[in-house]
């Protein structure tokens, strides 16, 4: 039987499959969990901090080596 909106009885089972997720939190794979974690404000801050630290270390290494040559 249907929900009462039509006079016909149900004709059998219907399989409904979705190929995409309604939202990103519906995907429970480890890759999706990491992607969700990296979208947080703290993760973006830590990523930017590490990028700047690496850039400063490379810059100090290059310029420090050049400074010693002079």
PDB file of N, CA and C in Angstrom:
ATOM      1  N   UNK A   1       0.843  -1.170   0.000  1.00  0.00           N
ATOM      2  CA  UNK A   1       0.000   0.000   0.000  1.00  0.00           C
ATOM      3  C   UNK A   1       0.890   1.234   0.000  1.00  0.00           C
ATOM      4  N   UNK A   2       0.378   2.279  -0.553  1.00  0.00           N
ATOM      5  CA  UNK A   2       1.147   3.525  -0.621  1.00  0.00           C
ATOM      6  C   UNK A   2       0.811   4.403   0.576  1.00  0.00           C
ATOM      7  N   UNK A   3       1.225   5.643   0.528  1.00  0.00           N
ATOM      8  CA  UNK A   3       1.036   6.536   1.655  1.00  0.00           C
ATOM      9  C   UNK A   3      -0.384   7.083   1.762  1.00  0.00           C
ATOM     10  N   UNK A   4      -1.258   6.671   0.850  1.00  0.00           N
ATOM     11  CA  UNK A   4      -2.630   7.133   0.920  1.00  0.00           C
ATOM     12  C   UNK A   4      -2.932   8.254  -0.051  1.00  0.00           C
ATOM     13  N   UNK A   5      -1.952   8.641  -0.829  1.00  0.00           N
ATOM     14  CA  UNK A   5      -2.184   9.731  -1.776  1.00  0.00           C
ATOM     15  C   UNK A   5      -2.695   9.239  -3.109  1.00  0.00           C
ATOM     16  N   UNK A   6      -2.620   7.949  -3.353  1.00  0.00           N
ATOM     17  CA  UNK A   6      -3.156   7.404  -4.601  1.00  0.00           C
ATOM     18  C   UNK A   6      -4.005   6.189  -4.272  1.00  0.00           C
ATOM     19  N   UNK A   7      -4.855   5.833  -5.194  1.00  0.00           N
ATOM     20  CA  UNK A   7      -5.765   4.721  -4.957  1.00  0.00           C
ATOM     21  C   UNK A   7      -5.165   3.388  -5.352  1.00  0.00           C
ATOM     22  N   UNK A   8      -3.992   3.383  -6.000  1.00  0.00           N
ATOM     23  CA  UNK A   8      -3.395   2.127  -6.456  1.00  0.00           C
ATOM     24  C   UNK A   8      -2.512   1.529  -5.369  1.00  0.00           C
ATOM     25  N   UNK A   9      -2.505   0.234  -5.333  1.00  0.00           N
ATOM     26  CA  UNK A   9      -1.627  -0.478  -4.407  1.00  0.00           C
ATOM     27  C   UNK A   9      -0.228  -0.534  -5.004  1.00  0.00           C
ATOM     28  N   UNK A  10       0.769  -0.719  -4.163  1.00  0.00           N
ATOM     29  CA  UNK A  10       2.142  -0.808  -4.634  1.00  0.00           C
ATOM     30  C   UNK A  10       2.310  -2.000  -5.565  1.00  0.00           C
ATOM     31  N   UNK A  11       3.073  -1.837  -6.643  1.00  0.00           N
ATOM     32  CA  UNK A  11       3.217  -2.897  -7.641  1.00  0.00           C
ATOM     33  C   UNK A  11       4.421  -3.781  -7.383  1.00  0.00           C
ATOM     34  N   UNK A  12       5.241  -3.480  -6.428  1.00  0.00           N
ATOM     35  CA  UNK A  12       6.420  -4.290  -6.138  1.00  0.00           C
ATOM     36  C   UNK A  12       7.513  -3.419  -5.532  1.00  0.00           C
ATOM     37  N   UNK A  13       8.652  -4.030  -5.293  1.00  0.00           N
ATOM     38  CA  UNK A  13       9.724  -3.243  -4.697  1.00  0.00           C
ATOM     39  C   UNK A  13      10.473  -2.463  -5.772  1.00  0.00           C
ATOM     40  N   UNK A  14      10.953  -1.337  -5.372  1.00  0.00           N
ATOM     41  CA  UNK A  14      11.734  -0.485  -6.253  1.00  0.00           C
ATOM     42  C   UNK A  14      13.076  -0.237  -5.579  1.00  0.00           C
ATOM     43  N   UNK A  15      14.118  -0.442  -6.338  1.00  0.00           N
ATOM     44  CA  UNK A  15      15.461  -0.194  -5.817  1.00  0.00           C
ATOM     45  C   UNK A  15      15.894   1.189  -6.288  1.00  0.00           C
ATOM     46  N   UNK A  16      16.207   2.025  -5.341  1.00  0.00           N
ATOM     47  CA  UNK A  16      16.655   3.371  -5.652  1.00  0.00           C
ATOM     48  C   UNK A  16      18.086   3.497  -5.160  1.00  0.00           C
ATOM     49  N   UNK A  17      18.990   3.833  -6.061  1.00  0.00           N
ATOM     50  CA  UNK A  17      20.396   3.976  -5.691  1.00  0.00           C
ATOM     51  C   UNK A  17      20.872   5.374  -6.054  1.00  0.00           C
ATOM     52  N   UNK A  18      21.681   5.933  -5.186  1.00  0.00           N
ATOM     53  CA  UNK A  18      22.254   7.248  -5.455  1.00  0.00           C
ATOM     54  C   UNK A  18      23.729   7.069  -5.783  1.00  0.00           C
ATOM     55  N   UNK A  19      24.189   7.822  -6.727  1.00  0.00           N
ATOM     56  CA  UNK A  19      25.596   7.721  -7.102  1.00  0.00           C
ATOM     57  C   UNK A  19      26.439   8.822  -6.484  1.00  0.00           C
ATOM     58  N   UNK A  20      25.807   9.842  -5.938  1.00  0.00           N
ATOM     59  CA  UNK A  20      26.550  10.922  -5.294  1.00  0.00           C
ATOM     60  C   UNK A  20      26.030  11.118  -3.887  1.00  0.00           C
ATOM     61  N   UNK A  21      26.815  11.787  -3.076  1.00  0.00           N
ATOM     62  CA  UNK A  21      26.422  12.062  -1.706  1.00  0.00           C
ATOM     63  C   UNK A  21      25.717  13.405  -1.634  1.00  0.00           C
ATOM     64  N   UNK A  22      24.772  13.507  -0.736  1.00  0.00           N
ATOM     65  CA  UNK A  22      24.055  14.768  -0.561  1.00  0.00           C
ATOM     66  C   UNK A  22      24.969  15.838   0.043  1.00  0.00           C
ATOM     67  N   UNK A  23      25.828  15.442   0.969  1.00  0.00           N
ATOM     68  CA  UNK A  23      26.782  16.377   1.546  1.00  0.00           C
ATOM     69  C   UNK A  23      28.113  15.661   1.739  1.00  0.00           C
ATOM     70  N   UNK A  24      29.156  16.413   1.960  1.00  0.00           N
ATOM     71  CA  UNK A  24      30.487  15.811   2.063  1.00  0.00           C
ATOM     72  C   UNK A  24      30.660  14.975   3.324  1.00  0.00           C
ATOM     73  N   UNK A  25      29.860  15.232   4.349  1.00  0.00           N
ATOM     74  CA  UNK A  25      29.978  14.475   5.589  1.00  0.00           C
ATOM     75  C   UNK A  25      29.377  13.081   5.483  1.00  0.00           C
ATOM     76  N   UNK A  26      28.685  12.791   4.404  1.00  0.00           N
ATOM     77  CA  UNK A  26      28.079  11.474   4.240  1.00  0.00           C
ATOM     78  C   UNK A  26      29.119  10.421   3.859  1.00  0.00           C
ATOM     79  N   UNK A  27      30.233  10.834   3.296  1.00  0.00           N
ATOM     80  CA  UNK A  27      31.292   9.915   2.891  1.00  0.00           C
ATOM     81  C   UNK A  27      32.118   9.558   4.121  1.00  0.00           C
ATOM     82  N   UNK A  28      32.153   8.280   4.479  1.00  0.00           N
ATOM     83  CA  UNK A  28      32.823   7.857   5.706  1.00  0.00           C
ATOM     84  C   UNK A  28      34.182   7.212   5.455  1.00  0.00           C
ATOM     85  N   UNK A  29      34.730   7.363   4.257  1.00  0.00           N
ATOM     86  CA  UNK A  29      36.029   6.769   3.966  1.00  0.00           C
ATOM     87  C   UNK A  29      37.127   7.548   4.693  1.00  0.00           C
ATOM     88  N   UNK A  30      38.259   6.918   4.948  1.00  0.00           N
ATOM     89  CA  UNK A  30      39.361   7.625   5.628  1.00  0.00           C
ATOM     90  C   UNK A  30      39.832   8.853   4.852  1.00  0.00           C
ATOM     91  N   UNK A  31      39.833   8.758   3.535  1.00  0.00           N
ATOM     92  CA  UNK A  31      40.252   9.899   2.716  1.00  0.00           C
ATOM     93  C   UNK A  31      39.327  11.099   2.935  1.00  0.00           C
ATOM     94  N   UNK A  32      38.030  10.831   3.024  1.00  0.00           N
ATOM     95  CA  UNK A  32      37.062  11.909   3.250  1.00  0.00           C
ATOM     96  C   UNK A  32      37.222  12.483   4.656  1.00  0.00           C
ATOM     97  N   UNK A  33      37.558  11.638   5.617  1.00  0.00           N
ATOM     98  CA  UNK A  33      37.762  12.122   6.987  1.00  0.00           C
ATOM     99  C   UNK A  33      38.958  13.073   7.041  1.00  0.00           C
ATOM    100  N   UNK A  34      40.023  12.739   6.326  1.00  0.00           N
ATOM    101  CA  UNK A  34      41.195  13.611   6.280  1.00  0.00           C
ATOM    102  C   UNK A  34      40.834  14.917   5.572  1.00  0.00           C
ATOM    103  N   UNK A  35      40.063  14.815   4.496  1.00  0.00           N
ATOM    104  CA  UNK A  35      39.649  16.016   3.772  1.00  0.00           C
ATOM    105  C   UNK A  35      38.820  16.934   4.658  1.00  0.00           C
ATOM    106  N   UNK A  36      37.911  16.356   5.459  1.00  0.00           N
ATOM    107  CA  UNK A  36      37.108  17.166   6.382  1.00  0.00           C
ATOM    108  C   UNK A  36      37.979  17.802   7.447  1.00  0.00           C
ATOM    109  N   UNK A  37      38.964  17.053   7.951  1.00  0.00           N
ATOM    110  CA  UNK A  37      39.855  17.575   8.984  1.00  0.00           C
ATOM    111  C   UNK A  37      40.677  18.743   8.459  1.00  0.00           C
ATOM    112  N   UNK A  38      41.138  18.636   7.227  1.00  0.00           N
ATOM    113  CA  UNK A  38      41.977  19.693   6.660  1.00  0.00           C
ATOM    114  C   UNK A  38      41.187  20.949   6.326  1.00  0.00           C
ATOM    115  N   UNK A  39      39.866  20.871   6.346  1.00  0.00           N
ATOM    116  CA  UNK A  39      39.057  22.053   6.096  1.00  0.00           C
ATOM    117  C   UNK A  39      38.811  22.869   7.355  1.00  0.00           C
ATOM    118  N   UNK A  40      39.216  22.388   8.495  1.00  0.00           N
ATOM    119  CA  UNK A  40      38.956  23.115   9.732  1.00  0.00           C
ATOM    120  C   UNK A  40      39.864  24.329   9.833  1.00  0.00           C
ATOM    121  N   UNK A  41      39.481  25.266  10.634  1.00  0.00           N
ATOM    122  CA  UNK A  41      40.237  26.508  10.797  1.00  0.00           C
ATOM    123  C   UNK A  41      41.618  26.238  11.406  1.00  0.00           C
ATOM    124  N   UNK A  42      41.682  25.361  12.394  1.00  0.00           N
ATOM    125  CA  UNK A  42      42.966  25.031  13.028  1.00  0.00           C
ATOM    126  C   UNK A  42      43.901  24.354  12.032  1.00  0.00           C
ATOM    127  N   UNK A  43      43.391  23.453  11.224  1.00  0.00           N
ATOM    128  CA  UNK A  43      44.237  22.756  10.248  1.00  0.00           C
ATOM    129  C   UNK A  43      44.775  23.724   9.203  1.00  0.00           C
ATOM    130  N   UNK A  44      43.954  24.672   8.775  1.00  0.00           N
ATOM    131  CA  UNK A  44      44.435  25.665   7.812  1.00  0.00           C
ATOM    132  C   UNK A  44      45.522  26.531   8.431  1.00  0.00           C
ATOM    133  N   UNK A  45      45.369  26.884   9.709  1.00  0.00           N
ATOM    134  CA  UNK A  45      46.396  27.680  10.397  1.00  0.00           C
ATOM    135  C   UNK A  45      47.705  26.900  10.499  1.00  0.00           C
ATOM    136  N   UNK A  46      47.617  25.650  10.924  1.00  0.00           N
ATOM    137  CA  UNK A  46      48.822  24.828  11.083  1.00  0.00           C
ATOM    138  C   UNK A  46      49.502  24.627   9.738  1.00  0.00           C
ATOM    139  N   UNK A  47      48.727  24.401   8.688  1.00  0.00           N
ATOM    140  CA  UNK A  47      49.301  24.231   7.355  1.00  0.00           C
ATOM    141  C   UNK A  47      50.029  25.494   6.913  1.00  0.00           C
ATOM    142  N   UNK A  48      49.417  26.651   7.095  1.00  0.00           N
ATOM    143  CA  UNK A  48      50.056  27.917   6.721  1.00  0.00           C
ATOM    144  C   UNK A  48      51.306  28.156   7.556  1.00  0.00           C
ATOM    145  N   UNK A  49      51.244  27.811   8.837  1.00  0.00           N
ATOM    146  CA  UNK A  49      52.396  27.986   9.722  1.00  0.00           C
ATOM    147  C   UNK A  49      53.569  27.120   9.261  1.00  0.00           C
ATOM    148  N   UNK A  50      53.294  25.872   8.935  1.00  0.00           N
ATOM    149  CA  UNK A  50      54.360  24.974   8.477  1.00  0.00           C
ATOM    150  C   UNK A  50      54.928  25.423   7.133  1.00  0.00           C
ATOM    151  N   UNK A  51      54.064  25.911   6.245  1.00  0.00           N
ATOM    152  CA  UNK A  51      54.550  26.405   4.956  1.00  0.00           C
ATOM    153  C   UNK A  51      55.479  27.597   5.147  1.00  0.00           C
ATOM    154  N   UNK A  52      55.107  28.520   6.010  1.00  0.00           N
ATOM    155  CA  UNK A  52      55.939  29.697   6.246  1.00  0.00           C
ATOM    156  C   UNK A  52      57.244  29.322   6.939  1.00  0.00           C
ATOM    157  N   UNK A  53      57.177  28.381   7.856  1.00  0.00           N
ATOM    158  CA  UNK A  53      58.395  27.925   8.535  1.00  0.00           C
ATOM    159  C   UNK A  53      59.355  27.294   7.534  1.00  0.00           C
ATOM    160  N   UNK A  54      58.852  26.472   6.655  1.00  0.00           N
ATOM    161  CA  UNK A  54      59.689  25.846   5.640  1.00  0.00           C
ATOM    162  C   UNK A  54      60.287  26.894   4.709  1.00  0.00           C
ATOM    163  N   UNK A  55      59.478  27.868   4.301  1.00  0.00           N
ATOM    164  CA  UNK A  55      59.978  28.936   3.424  1.00  0.00           C
ATOM    165  C   UNK A  55      61.080  29.734   4.118  1.00  0.00           C
ATOM    166  N   UNK A  56      60.921  30.012   5.406  1.00  0.00           N
ATOM    167  CA  UNK A  56      61.949  30.763   6.137  1.00  0.00           C
ATOM    168  C   UNK A  56      63.235  29.951   6.286  1.00  0.00           C
ATOM    169  N   UNK A  57      63.108  28.661   6.543  1.00  0.00           N
ATOM    170  CA  UNK A  57      64.299  27.821   6.674  1.00  0.00           C
ATOM    171  C   UNK A  57      65.064  27.740   5.361  1.00  0.00           C
ATOM    172  N   UNK A  58      64.351  27.578   4.259  1.00  0.00           N
ATOM    173  CA  UNK A  58      65.008  27.527   2.950  1.00  0.00           C
ATOM    174  C   UNK A  58      65.658  28.870   2.649  1.00  0.00           C
ATOM    175  N   UNK A  59      64.945  29.948   2.922  1.00  0.00           N
ATOM    176  CA  UNK A  59      65.502  31.285   2.685  1.00  0.00           C
ATOM    177  C   UNK A  59      66.724  31.559   3.526  1.00  0.00           C
ATOM    178  N   UNK A  60      66.689  31.184   4.797  1.00  0.00           N
ATOM    179  CA  UNK A  60      67.849  31.403   5.664  1.00  0.00           C
ATOM    180  C   UNK A  60      69.024  30.548   5.209  1.00  0.00           C
ATOM    181  N   UNK A  61      68.741  29.346   4.742  1.00  0.00           N
ATOM    182  CA  UNK A  61      69.825  28.487   4.251  1.00  0.00           C
ATOM    183  C   UNK A  61      70.479  29.061   3.029  1.00  0.00           C
ATOM    184  N   UNK A  62      69.681  29.560   2.085  1.00  0.00           N
ATOM    185  CA  UNK A  62      70.227  30.125   0.848  1.00  0.00           C
ATOM    186  C   UNK A  62      70.923  31.449   1.106  1.00  0.00           C
ATOM    187  N   UNK A  63      70.270  32.347   1.817  1.00  0.00           N
ATOM    188  CA  UNK A  63      70.868  33.651   2.066  1.00  0.00           C
ATOM    189  C   UNK A  63      72.013  33.581   3.071  1.00  0.00           C
ATOM    190  N   UNK A  64      71.898  32.670   4.039  1.00  0.00           N
ATOM    191  CA  UNK A  64      72.983  32.501   5.012  1.00  0.00           C
ATOM    192  C   UNK A  64      74.229  31.965   4.331  1.00  0.00           C
ATOM    193  N   UNK A  65      74.052  31.026   3.422  1.00  0.00           N
ATOM    194  CA  UNK A  65      75.192  30.499   2.679  1.00  0.00           C
ATOM    195  C   UNK A  65      75.809  31.563   1.800  1.00  0.00           C
ATOM    196  N   UNK A  66      74.970  32.377   1.170  1.00  0.00           N
ATOM    197  CA  UNK A  66      75.479  33.481   0.354  1.00  0.00           C
ATOM    198  C   UNK A  66      76.157  34.546   1.184  1.00  0.00           C
ATOM    199  N   UNK A  67      75.675  34.774   2.374  1.00  0.00           N
ATOM    200  CA  UNK A  67      76.259  35.782   3.271  1.00  0.00           C
ATOM    201  C   UNK A  67      77.656  35.359   3.712  1.00  0.00           C
ATOM    202  N   UNK A  68      77.841  34.060   3.978  1.00  0.00           N
ATOM    203  CA  UNK A  68      79.149  33.558   4.381  1.00  0.00           C
ATOM    204  C   UNK A  68      80.174  33.670   3.268  1.00  0.00           C
ATOM    205  N   UNK A  69      79.723  33.585   2.020  1.00  0.00           N
ATOM    206  CA  UNK A  69      80.637  33.672   0.880  1.00  0.00           C
ATOM    207  C   UNK A  69      81.202  35.087   0.770  1.00  0.00           C
ATOM    208  N   UNK A  70      80.396  36.095   1.120  1.00  0.00           N
ATOM    209  CA  UNK A  70      80.860  37.498   1.039  1.00  0.00           C
ATOM    210  C   UNK A  70      81.864  37.705   2.124  1.00  0.00           C
TER     211      UNK A  70
END
